[in-house]
Amino acid sequence: MATKANIIKVYAQADSAKKVDIIIRYYPNFMGIVESYTDGLRYMIENEKAFNRQANRGELGVRVQAKGNHSDITGNSAVASVMTREALVACDLLFGIGQGI
């Protein structure tokens, strides 16, 4: 079986009929490939958004917990991840722009 990277390259260069053939032939693996690319893109977007938030606050990369400020980092990360994934699936490429996210 061809590697995932080769399947993606062949798929990108194929015409419509060949794309359908590739999807049918590799369907059990194809959805996993799509999911992995979606997760990779989501990961890059989340990291870029976190970097931009820190830069906007003027942080220099050193994290110091302020007295009395409690946050749910795990919960916030999970919510942001789900919202970004849903925006990717819905092709909402303007998600988070101008929303302070």
Protein backbone atom coordinates (compact mmCIF):
# COMPACT_ATOMS: atom_id res chain seq x y z
CA MET A 1 0.00 0.00 0.00
CA ALA A 2 1.19 3.50 -0.75
CA THR A 3 2.25 5.72 2.09
CA LYS A 4 -0.06 8.45 3.36
CA ALA A 5 2.11 11.21 1.94
CA ASN A 6 2.10 9.59 -1.50
CA ILE A 7 -1.67 9.16 -1.45
CA ILE A 8 -2.11 12.86 -0.66
CA LYS A 9 0.25 13.89 -3.48
CA VAL A 10 -1.50 11.64 -6.00
CA TYR A 11 -4.91 12.84 -4.80
CA ALA A 12 -3.92 16.50 -5.11
CA GLN A 13 -2.83 16.05 -8.73
CA ALA A 14 -5.72 13.80 -9.80
CA ASP A 15 -8.81 14.73 -11.78
CA SER A 16 -12.29 14.26 -10.29
CA ALA A 17 -12.74 10.66 -11.44
CA LYS A 18 -9.34 9.63 -10.10
CA LYS A 19 -10.05 11.38 -6.77
CA VAL A 20 -13.24 9.35 -6.35
CA ASP A 21 -11.30 6.19 -7.20
CA ILE A 22 -8.64 7.00 -4.58
CA ILE A 23 -11.27 7.70 -1.92
CA ILE A 24 -13.06 4.42 -2.64
CA ARG A 25 -9.87 2.34 -2.77
CA TYR A 26 -8.37 3.80 0.41
CA TYR A 27 -11.59 4.69 2.24
CA PRO A 28 -10.75 2.97 5.56
CA ASN A 29 -7.43 4.83 5.63
CA PHE A 30 -8.58 7.96 3.81
CA MET A 31 -10.80 9.25 6.61
CA GLY A 32 -7.97 8.70 9.08
CA ILE A 33 -5.64 10.68 6.83
CA VAL A 34 -8.14 13.54 6.62
CA GLU A 35 -8.59 13.47 10.41
CA SER A 36 -4.84 13.56 11.00
CA TYR A 37 -4.40 16.55 8.68
CA THR A 38 -7.33 18.31 10.37
CA ASP A 39 -5.83 17.67 13.81
CA GLY A 40 -2.42 18.89 12.66
CA LEU A 41 -3.93 22.07 11.26
CA ARG A 42 -5.94 22.60 14.46
CA TYR A 43 -2.77 22.17 16.52
CA MET A 44 -0.88 24.75 14.46
CA ILE A 45 -3.77 27.22 14.67
CA GLU A 46 -4.08 26.82 18.45
CA ASN A 47 -0.35 27.35 18.94
CA GLU A 48 -0.37 30.44 16.71
CA LYS A 49 -3.35 31.89 18.59
CA ALA A 50 -1.65 31.24 21.96
CA PHE A 51 1.56 32.87 20.73
CA ASN A 52 -0.36 35.92 19.48
CA ARG A 53 -2.24 36.25 22.78
CA GLN A 54 1.01 36.19 24.73
CA ALA A 55 2.65 38.68 22.38
CA ASN A 56 -0.34 41.04 22.64
CA ARG A 57 -0.06 40.96 26.44
CA GLY A 58 3.62 41.78 26.21
CA GLU A 59 4.72 38.48 27.73
CA LEU A 60 8.33 37.56 27.21
CA GLY A 61 7.83 33.83 27.59
CA VAL A 62 8.27 33.63 31.36
CA ARG A 63 5.06 32.53 33.04
CA VAL A 64 4.33 33.90 36.52
CA GLN A 65 1.08 33.18 38.31
CA ALA A 66 -0.49 36.34 39.65
CA LYS A 67 -1.96 36.24 43.14
CA GLY A 68 -5.70 35.55 43.13
CA ASN A 69 -5.95 34.79 39.41
CA HIS A 70 -7.18 31.26 38.93
CA SER A 71 -7.79 29.75 35.54
CA ASP A 72 -8.82 26.41 34.16
CA ILE A 73 -6.06 25.87 31.61
CA THR A 74 -7.23 22.36 30.72
CA GLY A 75 -10.85 23.43 30.30
CA ASN A 76 -9.95 26.52 28.29
CA SER A 77 -7.68 24.46 26.06
CA ALA A 78 -10.37 21.82 25.47
CA VAL A 79 -13.03 24.41 24.60
CA ALA A 80 -10.67 26.26 22.24
CA SER A 81 -9.71 22.97 20.59
CA VAL A 82 -13.33 21.96 19.99
CA MET A 83 -14.28 25.40 18.68
CA THR A 84 -11.31 25.49 16.31
CA ARG A 85 -12.04 21.97 15.04
CA GLU A 86 -15.70 22.83 14.41
CA ALA A 87 -14.67 25.99 12.55
CA LEU A 88 -12.26 23.96 10.38
CA VAL A 89 -14.89 21.36 9.53
CA ALA A 90 -17.39 24.14 8.71
CA CYS A 91 -14.71 25.95 6.64
CA ASP A 92 -15.16 29.06 8.80
CA LEU A 93 -11.74 30.46 8.04
CA LEU A 94 -12.48 33.78 9.77
CA PHE A 95 -13.09 32.11 13.15
CA GLY A 96 -11.50 34.06 15.98
CA ILE A 97 -10.47 37.06 13.88
CA GLY A 98 -11.45 40.23 15.66
CA GLN A 99 -12.94 38.31 18.58
CA GLY A 100 -9.92 38.53 20.85
CA ILE A 101 -9.49 34.77 20.66
